[in-house]
Amino acid sequence: MIYKSDIMKLAAGHQKTLRRIMGNPVPADMRWSEIEALFRALGAEISEGSGSRVRVALGGVRAVFHRPHPSPETKRSAVRSVRDFLLAAGLSAKGDFDA
């Protein structure tokens, strides 16, 4: 479970990343490194898979993402998947991310 108090403890940059992920429209210029840094700040376990795969576990939920390449920008569909993962891991869609 991701609590509001956990979000409020995040650095300003991580809070901004979270707001962008949860916002509308879904950003098309988000760097994967920002997303991965947010995962780490939230306490996620991250491990390398084969190729560009990245395994992430947070709040009892597991997901596999692909690091974008050769461009560092993450596609909108992948940002939506990150959003869905964070919601499944316990982030409330009711404004908990508005720190």
PDB file of N, CA and C in Angstrom:
ATOM      1  N   MET A   1       0.844  -1.180   0.000  1.00  0.00           N
ATOM      2  CA  MET A   1       0.000   0.000   0.000  1.00  0.00           C
ATOM      3  C   MET A   1       0.882   1.233   0.000  1.00  0.00           C
ATOM      4  N   ILE A   2       0.523   2.197  -0.795  1.00  0.00           N
ATOM      5  CA  ILE A   2       1.250   3.461  -0.857  1.00  0.00           C
ATOM      6  C   ILE A   2       0.398   4.497  -0.130  1.00  0.00           C
ATOM      7  N   TYR A   3       0.934   5.034   0.958  1.00  0.00           N
ATOM      8  CA  TYR A   3       0.181   5.985   1.770  1.00  0.00           C
ATOM      9  C   TYR A   3       0.522   7.419   1.389  1.00  0.00           C
ATOM     10  N   LYS A   4      -0.410   8.311   1.680  1.00  0.00           N
ATOM     11  CA  LYS A   4      -0.197   9.723   1.382  1.00  0.00           C
ATOM     12  C   LYS A   4       1.051  10.243   2.098  1.00  0.00           C
ATOM     13  N   SER A   5       1.296   9.753   3.321  1.00  0.00           N
ATOM     14  CA  SER A   5       2.484  10.200   4.054  1.00  0.00           C
ATOM     15  C   SER A   5       3.765   9.798   3.319  1.00  0.00           C
ATOM     16  N   ASP A   6       3.749   8.632   2.649  1.00  0.00           N
ATOM     17  CA  ASP A   6       4.912   8.206   1.861  1.00  0.00           C
ATOM     18  C   ASP A   6       5.139   9.152   0.687  1.00  0.00           C
ATOM     19  N   ILE A   7       4.058   9.568   0.064  1.00  0.00           N
ATOM     20  CA  ILE A   7       4.155  10.456  -1.085  1.00  0.00           C
ATOM     21  C   ILE A   7       4.659  11.823  -0.660  1.00  0.00           C
ATOM     22  N   MET A   8       4.196  12.291   0.488  1.00  0.00           N
ATOM     23  CA  MET A   8       4.610  13.610   0.955  1.00  0.00           C
ATOM     24  C   MET A   8       6.090  13.642   1.327  1.00  0.00           C
ATOM     25  N   LYS A   9       6.675  12.473   1.618  1.00  0.00           N
ATOM     26  CA  LYS A   9       8.100  12.397   1.958  1.00  0.00           C
ATOM     27  C   LYS A   9       8.986  12.363   0.717  1.00  0.00           C
ATOM     28  N   LEU A  10       8.385  12.173  -0.448  1.00  0.00           N
ATOM     29  CA  LEU A  10       9.168  12.109  -1.680  1.00  0.00           C
ATOM     30  C   LEU A  10       9.801  13.464  -1.978  1.00  0.00           C
ATOM     31  N   ALA A  11      10.943  13.416  -2.628  1.00  0.00           N
ATOM     32  CA  ALA A  11      11.579  14.643  -3.100  1.00  0.00           C
ATOM     33  C   ALA A  11      10.650  15.313  -4.110  1.00  0.00           C
ATOM     34  N   ALA A  12      10.786  16.599  -4.262  1.00  0.00           N
ATOM     35  CA  ALA A  12       9.919  17.372  -5.155  1.00  0.00           C
ATOM     36  C   ALA A  12       9.939  16.828  -6.582  1.00  0.00           C
ATOM     37  N   GLY A  13      11.088  16.409  -7.044  1.00  0.00           N
ATOM     38  CA  GLY A  13      11.188  15.870  -8.400  1.00  0.00           C
ATOM     39  C   GLY A  13      10.387  14.594  -8.573  1.00  0.00           C
ATOM     40  N   HIS A  14      10.398  13.729  -7.556  1.00  0.00           N
ATOM     41  CA  HIS A  14       9.618  12.493  -7.616  1.00  0.00           C
ATOM     42  C   HIS A  14       8.123  12.793  -7.547  1.00  0.00           C
ATOM     43  N   GLN A  15       7.741  13.790  -6.747  1.00  0.00           N
ATOM     44  CA  GLN A  15       6.342  14.180  -6.676  1.00  0.00           C
ATOM     45  C   GLN A  15       5.868  14.704  -8.033  1.00  0.00           C
ATOM     46  N   LYS A  16       6.716  15.471  -8.694  1.00  0.00           N
ATOM     47  CA  LYS A  16       6.378  15.997 -10.024  1.00  0.00           C
ATOM     48  C   LYS A  16       6.201  14.851 -11.019  1.00  0.00           C
ATOM     49  N   THR A  17       7.106  13.880 -10.967  1.00  0.00           N
ATOM     50  CA  THR A  17       7.005  12.719 -11.850  1.00  0.00           C
ATOM     51  C   THR A  17       5.689  11.987 -11.606  1.00  0.00           C
ATOM     52  N   LEU A  18       5.337  11.784 -10.354  1.00  0.00           N
ATOM     53  CA  LEU A  18       4.096  11.096 -10.011  1.00  0.00           C
ATOM     54  C   LEU A  18       2.879  11.863 -10.520  1.00  0.00           C
ATOM     55  N   ARG A  19       2.876  13.172 -10.348  1.00  0.00           N
ATOM     56  CA  ARG A  19       1.762  13.985 -10.853  1.00  0.00           C
ATOM     57  C   ARG A  19       1.645  13.871 -12.369  1.00  0.00           C
ATOM     58  N   ARG A  20       2.772  13.846 -13.060  1.00  0.00           N
ATOM     59  CA  ARG A  20       2.742  13.721 -14.523  1.00  0.00           C
ATOM     60  C   ARG A  20       2.201  12.359 -14.948  1.00  0.00           C
ATOM     61  N   ILE A  21       2.615  11.303 -14.258  1.00  0.00           N
ATOM     62  CA  ILE A  21       2.139   9.960 -14.591  1.00  0.00           C
ATOM     63  C   ILE A  21       0.626   9.874 -14.394  1.00  0.00           C
ATOM     64  N   MET A  22       0.133  10.458 -13.323  1.00  0.00           N
ATOM     65  CA  MET A  22      -1.280  10.344 -12.982  1.00  0.00           C
ATOM     66  C   MET A  22      -2.148  11.377 -13.699  1.00  0.00           C
ATOM     67  N   GLY A  23      -1.524  12.353 -14.335  1.00  0.00           N
ATOM     68  CA  GLY A  23      -2.275  13.429 -14.961  1.00  0.00           C
ATOM     69  C   GLY A  23      -2.841  13.087 -16.329  1.00  0.00           C
ATOM     70  N   ASN A  24      -3.647  13.993 -16.814  1.00  0.00           N
ATOM     71  CA  ASN A  24      -4.196  13.897 -18.159  1.00  0.00           C
ATOM     72  C   ASN A  24      -3.899  15.198 -18.874  1.00  0.00           C
ATOM     73  N   PRO A  25      -3.456  15.170 -20.098  1.00  0.00           N
ATOM     74  CA  PRO A  25      -3.198  13.985 -20.897  1.00  0.00           C
ATOM     75  C   PRO A  25      -1.935  13.257 -20.442  1.00  0.00           C
ATOM     76  N   VAL A  26      -1.848  12.010 -20.833  1.00  0.00           N
ATOM     77  CA  VAL A  26      -0.675  11.206 -20.499  1.00  0.00           C
ATOM     78  C   VAL A  26       0.526  11.793 -21.236  1.00  0.00           C
ATOM     79  N   PRO A  27       1.618  12.043 -20.518  1.00  0.00           N
ATOM     80  CA  PRO A  27       2.783  12.667 -21.174  1.00  0.00           C
ATOM     81  C   PRO A  27       3.448  11.741 -22.189  1.00  0.00           C
ATOM     82  N   ALA A  28       3.939  12.335 -23.255  1.00  0.00           N
ATOM     83  CA  ALA A  28       4.633  11.583 -24.299  1.00  0.00           C
ATOM     84  C   ALA A  28       6.136  11.824 -24.247  1.00  0.00           C
ATOM     85  N   ASP A  29       6.584  12.668 -23.320  1.00  0.00           N
ATOM     86  CA  ASP A  29       8.004  13.023 -23.274  1.00  0.00           C
ATOM     87  C   ASP A  29       8.647  12.640 -21.940  1.00  0.00           C
ATOM     88  N   MET A  30       8.088  11.657 -21.262  1.00  0.00           N
ATOM     89  CA  MET A  30       8.595  11.267 -19.951  1.00  0.00           C
ATOM     90  C   MET A  30       9.779  10.315 -20.110  1.00  0.00           C
ATOM     91  N   ARG A  31      10.843  10.602 -19.404  1.00  0.00           N
ATOM     92  CA  ARG A  31      12.036   9.753 -19.467  1.00  0.00           C
ATOM     93  C   ARG A  31      11.873   8.554 -18.544  1.00  0.00           C
ATOM     94  N   TRP A  32      12.308   7.397 -19.021  1.00  0.00           N
ATOM     95  CA  TRP A  32      12.221   6.182 -18.223  1.00  0.00           C
ATOM     96  C   TRP A  32      13.019   6.328 -16.926  1.00  0.00           C
ATOM     97  N   SER A  33      14.141   7.020 -16.983  1.00  0.00           N
ATOM     98  CA  SER A  33      14.971   7.177 -15.785  1.00  0.00           C
ATOM     99  C   SER A  33      14.193   7.874 -14.665  1.00  0.00           C
ATOM    100  N   GLU A  34      13.288   8.793 -15.013  1.00  0.00           N
ATOM    101  CA  GLU A  34      12.456   9.460 -14.003  1.00  0.00           C
ATOM    102  C   GLU A  34      11.478   8.469 -13.370  1.00  0.00           C
ATOM    103  N   ILE A  35      10.900   7.615 -14.197  1.00  0.00           N
ATOM    104  CA  ILE A  35       9.942   6.624 -13.709  1.00  0.00           C
ATOM    105  C   ILE A  35      10.645   5.620 -12.795  1.00  0.00           C
ATOM    106  N   GLU A  36      11.803   5.153 -13.233  1.00  0.00           N
ATOM    107  CA  GLU A  36      12.541   4.183 -12.428  1.00  0.00           C
ATOM    108  C   GLU A  36      12.998   4.806 -11.106  1.00  0.00           C
ATOM    109  N   ALA A  37      13.390   6.065 -11.125  1.00  0.00           N
ATOM    110  CA  ALA A  37      13.782   6.749  -9.889  1.00  0.00           C
ATOM    111  C   ALA A  37      12.594   6.864  -8.938  1.00  0.00           C
ATOM    112  N   LEU A  38      11.399   7.113  -9.477  1.00  0.00           N
ATOM    113  CA  LEU A  38      10.195   7.165  -8.651  1.00  0.00           C
ATOM    114  C   LEU A  38       9.925   5.806  -8.022  1.00  0.00           C
ATOM    115  N   PHE A  39      10.037   4.743  -8.811  1.00  0.00           N
ATOM    116  CA  PHE A  39       9.848   3.395  -8.262  1.00  0.00           C
ATOM    117  C   PHE A  39      10.775   3.177  -7.067  1.00  0.00           C
ATOM    118  N   ARG A  40      12.031   3.525  -7.246  1.00  0.00           N
ATOM    119  CA  ARG A  40      13.005   3.333  -6.164  1.00  0.00           C
ATOM    120  C   ARG A  40      12.638   4.174  -4.932  1.00  0.00           C
ATOM    121  N   ALA A  41      12.213   5.408  -5.154  1.00  0.00           N
ATOM    122  CA  ALA A  41      11.855   6.291  -4.050  1.00  0.00           C
ATOM    123  C   ALA A  41      10.637   5.768  -3.283  1.00  0.00           C
ATOM    124  N   LEU A  42       9.750   5.057  -3.981  1.00  0.00           N
ATOM    125  CA  LEU A  42       8.576   4.478  -3.334  1.00  0.00           C
ATOM    126  C   LEU A  42       8.903   3.152  -2.636  1.00  0.00           C
ATOM    127  N   GLY A  43      10.134   2.679  -2.811  1.00  0.00           N
ATOM    128  CA  GLY A  43      10.552   1.447  -2.142  1.00  0.00           C
ATOM    129  C   GLY A  43      10.350   0.187  -2.960  1.00  0.00           C
ATOM    130  N   ALA A  44      10.180   0.339  -4.255  1.00  0.00           N
ATOM    131  CA  ALA A  44       9.982  -0.818  -5.120  1.00  0.00           C
ATOM    132  C   ALA A  44      11.267  -1.631  -5.237  1.00  0.00           C
ATOM    133  N   GLU A  45      11.093  -2.921  -5.420  1.00  0.00           N
ATOM    134  CA  GLU A  45      12.220  -3.802  -5.730  1.00  0.00           C
ATOM    135  C   GLU A  45      12.317  -3.869  -7.247  1.00  0.00           C
ATOM    136  N   ILE A  46      13.491  -3.571  -7.764  1.00  0.00           N
ATOM    137  CA  ILE A  46      13.701  -3.543  -9.210  1.00  0.00           C
ATOM    138  C   ILE A  46      14.812  -4.526  -9.546  1.00  0.00           C
ATOM    139  N   SER A  47      14.551  -5.367 -10.550  1.00  0.00           N
ATOM    140  CA  SER A  47      15.586  -6.302 -11.000  1.00  0.00           C
ATOM    141  C   SER A  47      15.588  -6.328 -12.525  1.00  0.00           C
ATOM    142  N   GLU A  48      16.735  -6.653 -13.042  1.00  0.00           N
ATOM    143  CA  GLU A  48      16.920  -6.697 -14.494  1.00  0.00           C
ATOM    144  C   GLU A  48      16.397  -8.019 -15.043  1.00  0.00           C
ATOM    145  N   GLY A  49      15.685  -7.935 -16.144  1.00  0.00           N
ATOM    146  CA  GLY A  49      15.272  -9.118 -16.869  1.00  0.00           C
ATOM    147  C   GLY A  49      16.153  -9.266 -18.091  1.00  0.00           C
ATOM    148  N   SER A  50      15.746 -10.103 -19.009  1.00  0.00           N
ATOM    149  CA  SER A  50      16.545 -10.258 -20.221  1.00  0.00           C
ATOM    150  C   SER A  50      16.252  -9.103 -21.174  1.00  0.00           C
ATOM    151  N   GLY A  51      17.266  -8.723 -21.914  1.00  0.00           N
ATOM    152  CA  GLY A  51      17.116  -7.613 -22.848  1.00  0.00           C
ATOM    153  C   GLY A  51      16.824  -6.315 -22.123  1.00  0.00           C
ATOM    154  N   SER A  52      15.764  -5.642 -22.551  1.00  0.00           N
ATOM    155  CA  SER A  52      15.428  -4.349 -21.945  1.00  0.00           C
ATOM    156  C   SER A  52      14.347  -4.483 -20.870  1.00  0.00           C
ATOM    157  N   ARG A  53      14.068  -5.698 -20.455  1.00  0.00           N
ATOM    158  CA  ARG A  53      13.022  -5.904 -19.457  1.00  0.00           C
ATOM    159  C   ARG A  53      13.482  -5.499 -18.056  1.00  0.00           C
ATOM    160  N   VAL A  54      12.543  -4.923 -17.320  1.00  0.00           N
ATOM    161  CA  VAL A  54      12.790  -4.513 -15.942  1.00  0.00           C
ATOM    162  C   VAL A  54      11.627  -5.051 -15.111  1.00  0.00           C
ATOM    163  N   ARG A  55      11.951  -5.848 -14.097  1.00  0.00           N
ATOM    164  CA  ARG A  55      10.927  -6.381 -13.195  1.00  0.00           C
ATOM    165  C   ARG A  55      10.790  -5.441 -12.005  1.00  0.00           C
ATOM    166  N   VAL A  56       9.549  -5.110 -11.659  1.00  0.00           N
ATOM    167  CA  VAL A  56       9.294  -4.188 -10.554  1.00  0.00           C
ATOM    168  C   VAL A  56       8.260  -4.824  -9.621  1.00  0.00           C
ATOM    169  N   ALA A  57       8.548  -4.777  -8.318  1.00  0.00           N
ATOM    170  CA  ALA A  57       7.610  -5.268  -7.306  1.00  0.00           C
ATOM    171  C   ALA A  57       7.379  -4.144  -6.299  1.00  0.00           C
ATOM    172  N   LEU A  58       6.111  -3.862  -6.041  1.00  0.00           N
ATOM    173  CA  LEU A  58       5.756  -2.794  -5.111  1.00  0.00           C
ATOM    174  C   LEU A  58       4.393  -3.109  -4.506  1.00  0.00           C
ATOM    175  N   GLY A  59       4.311  -3.068  -3.194  1.00  0.00           N
ATOM    176  CA  GLY A  59       3.034  -3.290  -2.522  1.00  0.00           C
ATOM    177  C   GLY A  59       2.407  -4.632  -2.838  1.00  0.00           C
ATOM    178  N   GLY A  60       3.227  -5.657  -3.038  1.00  0.00           N
ATOM    179  CA  GLY A  60       2.713  -6.987  -3.337  1.00  0.00           C
ATOM    180  C   GLY A  60       2.307  -7.191  -4.785  1.00  0.00           C
ATOM    181  N   VAL A  61       2.533  -6.197  -5.618  1.00  0.00           N
ATOM    182  CA  VAL A  61       2.178  -6.270  -7.036  1.00  0.00           C
ATOM    183  C   VAL A  61       3.469  -6.327  -7.844  1.00  0.00           C
ATOM    184  N   ARG A  62       3.470  -7.179  -8.845  1.00  0.00           N
ATOM    185  CA  ARG A  62       4.645  -7.312  -9.707  1.00  0.00           C
ATOM    186  C   ARG A  62       4.279  -6.956 -11.138  1.00  0.00           C
ATOM    187  N   ALA A  63       5.238  -6.363 -11.841  1.00  0.00           N
ATOM    188  CA  ALA A  63       5.034  -6.021 -13.250  1.00  0.00           C
ATOM    189  C   ALA A  63       6.377  -6.077 -13.961  1.00  0.00           C
ATOM    190  N   VAL A  64       6.300  -6.255 -15.263  1.00  0.00           N
ATOM    191  CA  VAL A  64       7.493  -6.225 -16.109  1.00  0.00           C
ATOM    192  C   VAL A  64       7.297  -5.107 -17.123  1.00  0.00           C
ATOM    193  N   PHE A  65       8.286  -4.235 -17.198  1.00  0.00           N
ATOM    194  CA  PHE A  65       8.269  -3.129 -18.143  1.00  0.00           C
ATOM    195  C   PHE A  65       9.468  -3.263 -19.069  1.00  0.00           C
ATOM    196  N   HIS A  66       9.409  -2.564 -20.177  1.00  0.00           N
ATOM    197  CA  HIS A  66      10.527  -2.535 -21.120  1.00  0.00           C
ATOM    198  C   HIS A  66      11.106  -1.133 -21.116  1.00  0.00           C
ATOM    199  N   ARG A  67      12.421  -1.052 -20.898  1.00  0.00           N
ATOM    200  CA  ARG A  67      13.085   0.251 -21.007  1.00  0.00           C
ATOM    201  C   ARG A  67      13.051   0.676 -22.469  1.00  0.00           C
ATOM    202  N   PRO A  68      12.692   1.920 -22.711  1.00  0.00           N
ATOM    203  CA  PRO A  68      12.681   2.373 -24.105  1.00  0.00           C
ATOM    204  C   PRO A  68      14.099   2.488 -24.650  1.00  0.00           C
ATOM    205  N   HIS A  69      14.240   2.210 -25.919  1.00  0.00           N
ATOM    206  CA  HIS A  69      15.537   2.372 -26.577  1.00  0.00           C
ATOM    207  C   HIS A  69      15.296   2.495 -28.066  1.00  0.00           C
ATOM    208  N   PRO A  70      16.058   3.186 -28.809  1.00  0.00           N
ATOM    209  CA  PRO A  70      17.251   3.908 -28.383  1.00  0.00           C
ATOM    210  C   PRO A  70      16.921   5.253 -27.738  1.00  0.00           C
ATOM    211  N   SER A  71      15.675   5.706 -27.878  1.00  0.00           N
ATOM    212  CA  SER A  71      15.280   6.990 -27.295  1.00  0.00           C
ATOM    213  C   SER A  71      14.979   6.812 -25.805  1.00  0.00           C
ATOM    214  N   PRO A  72      15.312   7.806 -24.965  1.00  0.00           N
ATOM    215  CA  PRO A  72      15.043   7.676 -23.528  1.00  0.00           C
ATOM    216  C   PRO A  72      13.586   7.967 -23.145  1.00  0.00           C
ATOM    217  N   GLU A  73      12.774   8.473 -24.096  1.00  0.00           N
ATOM    218  CA  GLU A  73      11.391   8.814 -23.790  1.00  0.00           C
ATOM    219  C   GLU A  73      10.511   7.569 -23.776  1.00  0.00           C
ATOM    220  N   THR A  74       9.614   7.534 -22.821  1.00  0.00           N
ATOM    221  CA  THR A  74       8.690   6.423 -22.652  1.00  0.00           C
ATOM    222  C   THR A  74       7.403   6.721 -23.409  1.00  0.00           C
ATOM    223  N   LYS A  75       6.888   5.742 -24.134  1.00  0.00           N
ATOM    224  CA  LYS A  75       5.657   5.939 -24.896  1.00  0.00           C
ATOM    225  C   LYS A  75       4.465   6.094 -23.960  1.00  0.00           C
ATOM    226  N   ARG A  76       3.439   6.759 -24.467  1.00  0.00           N
ATOM    227  CA  ARG A  76       2.233   6.996 -23.664  1.00  0.00           C
ATOM    228  C   ARG A  76       1.628   5.698 -23.141  1.00  0.00           C
ATOM    229  N   SER A  77       1.599   4.680 -23.977  1.00  0.00           N
ATOM    230  CA  SER A  77       1.001   3.412 -23.553  1.00  0.00           C
ATOM    231  C   SER A  77       1.773   2.819 -22.370  1.00  0.00           C
ATOM    232  N   ALA A  78       3.082   2.979 -22.364  1.00  0.00           N
ATOM    233  CA  ALA A  78       3.888   2.479 -21.246  1.00  0.00           C
ATOM    234  C   ALA A  78       3.661   3.309 -19.987  1.00  0.00           C
ATOM    235  N   VAL A  79       3.472   4.616 -20.144  1.00  0.00           N
ATOM    236  CA  VAL A  79       3.180   5.472 -18.987  1.00  0.00           C
ATOM    237  C   VAL A  79       1.822   5.080 -18.401  1.00  0.00           C
ATOM    238  N   ARG A  80       0.865   4.752 -19.267  1.00  0.00           N
ATOM    239  CA  ARG A  80      -0.441   4.275 -18.773  1.00  0.00           C
ATOM    240  C   ARG A  80      -0.268   2.970 -17.996  1.00  0.00           C
ATOM    241  N   SER A  81       0.604   2.097 -18.472  1.00  0.00           N
ATOM    242  CA  SER A  81       0.864   0.842 -17.766  1.00  0.00           C
ATOM    243  C   SER A  81       1.496   1.103 -16.399  1.00  0.00           C
ATOM    244  N   VAL A  82       2.384   2.078 -16.334  1.00  0.00           N
ATOM    245  CA  VAL A  82       2.995   2.460 -15.053  1.00  0.00           C
ATOM    246  C   VAL A  82       1.915   2.986 -14.117  1.00  0.00           C
ATOM    247  N   ARG A  83       1.016   3.809 -14.639  1.00  0.00           N
ATOM    248  CA  ARG A  83      -0.096   4.338 -13.839  1.00  0.00           C
ATOM    249  C   ARG A  83      -0.937   3.188 -13.280  1.00  0.00           C
ATOM    250  N   ASP A  84      -1.309   2.249 -14.148  1.00  0.00           N
ATOM    251  CA  ASP A  84      -2.111   1.105 -13.715  1.00  0.00           C
ATOM    252  C   ASP A  84      -1.385   0.293 -12.642  1.00  0.00           C
ATOM    253  N   PHE A  85      -0.075   0.128 -12.807  1.00  0.00           N
ATOM    254  CA  PHE A  85       0.724  -0.598 -11.823  1.00  0.00           C
ATOM    255  C   PHE A  85       0.698   0.116 -10.476  1.00  0.00           C
ATOM    256  N   LEU A  86       0.898   1.421 -10.481  1.00  0.00           N
ATOM    257  CA  LEU A  86       0.899   2.184  -9.227  1.00  0.00           C
ATOM    258  C   LEU A  86      -0.464   2.120  -8.538  1.00  0.00           C
ATOM    259  N   LEU A  87      -1.533   2.180  -9.319  1.00  0.00           N
ATOM    260  CA  LEU A  87      -2.870   2.063  -8.734  1.00  0.00           C
ATOM    261  C   LEU A  87      -3.086   0.671  -8.146  1.00  0.00           C
ATOM    262  N   ALA A  88      -2.638  -0.356  -8.860  1.00  0.00           N
ATOM    263  CA  ALA A  88      -2.771  -1.725  -8.348  1.00  0.00           C
ATOM    264  C   ALA A  88      -1.937  -1.933  -7.090  1.00  0.00           C
ATOM    265  N   ALA A  89      -0.818  -1.202  -6.986  1.00  0.00           N
ATOM    266  CA  ALA A  89       0.064  -1.327  -5.825  1.00  0.00           C
ATOM    267  C   ALA A  89      -0.470  -0.569  -4.616  1.00  0.00           C
ATOM    268  N   GLY A  90      -1.564   0.160  -4.788  1.00  0.00           N
ATOM    269  CA  GLY A  90      -2.192   0.797  -3.644  1.00  0.00           C
ATOM    270  C   GLY A  90      -2.257   2.299  -3.660  1.00  0.00           C
ATOM    271  N   LEU A  91      -1.781   2.925  -4.719  1.00  0.00           N
ATOM    272  CA  LEU A  91      -1.889   4.380  -4.808  1.00  0.00           C
ATOM    273  C   LEU A  91      -3.342   4.729  -5.090  1.00  0.00           C
ATOM    274  N   SER A  92      -3.894   5.629  -4.345  1.00  0.00           N
ATOM    275  CA  SER A  92      -5.277   6.031  -4.542  1.00  0.00           C
ATOM    276  C   SER A  92      -5.358   7.025  -5.691  1.00  0.00           C
ATOM    277  N   ALA A  93      -6.327   6.857  -6.536  1.00  0.00           N
ATOM    278  CA  ALA A  93      -6.535   7.781  -7.656  1.00  0.00           C
ATOM    279  C   ALA A  93      -7.232   9.045  -7.207  1.00  0.00           C
ATOM    280  N   LYS A  94      -7.586   9.129  -5.933  1.00  0.00           N
ATOM    281  CA  LYS A  94      -8.366  10.260  -5.425  1.00  0.00           C
ATOM    282  C   LYS A  94      -7.484  11.377  -4.905  1.00  0.00           C
ATOM    283  N   GLY A  95      -6.352  11.609  -5.543  1.00  0.00           N
ATOM    284  CA  GLY A  95      -5.562  12.780  -5.192  1.00  0.00           C
ATOM    285  C   GLY A  95      -4.447  12.534  -4.209  1.00  0.00           C
ATOM    286  N   ASP A  96      -4.178  11.276  -3.831  1.00  0.00           N
ATOM    287  CA  ASP A  96      -3.083  11.011  -2.906  1.00  0.00           C
ATOM    288  C   ASP A  96      -1.753  11.474  -3.469  1.00  0.00           C
ATOM    289  N   PHE A  97      -1.655  11.529  -4.775  1.00  0.00           N
ATOM    290  CA  PHE A  97      -0.400  11.903  -5.407  1.00  0.00           C
ATOM    291  C   PHE A  97      -0.232  13.418  -5.478  1.00  0.00           C
ATOM    292  N   ASP A  98      -1.249  14.175  -5.146  1.00  0.00           N
ATOM    293  CA  ASP A  98      -1.138  15.640  -5.136  1.00  0.00           C
ATOM    294  C   ASP A  98      -0.512  16.077  -3.844  1.00  0.00           C
ATOM    295  N   ALA A  99       0.807  16.041  -3.806  1.00  0.00           N
ATOM    296  CA  ALA A  99       1.514  16.393  -2.563  1.00  0.00           C
ATOM    297  C   ALA A  99       1.716  17.883  -2.471  1.00  0.00           C
TER     298      ALA A  99
END
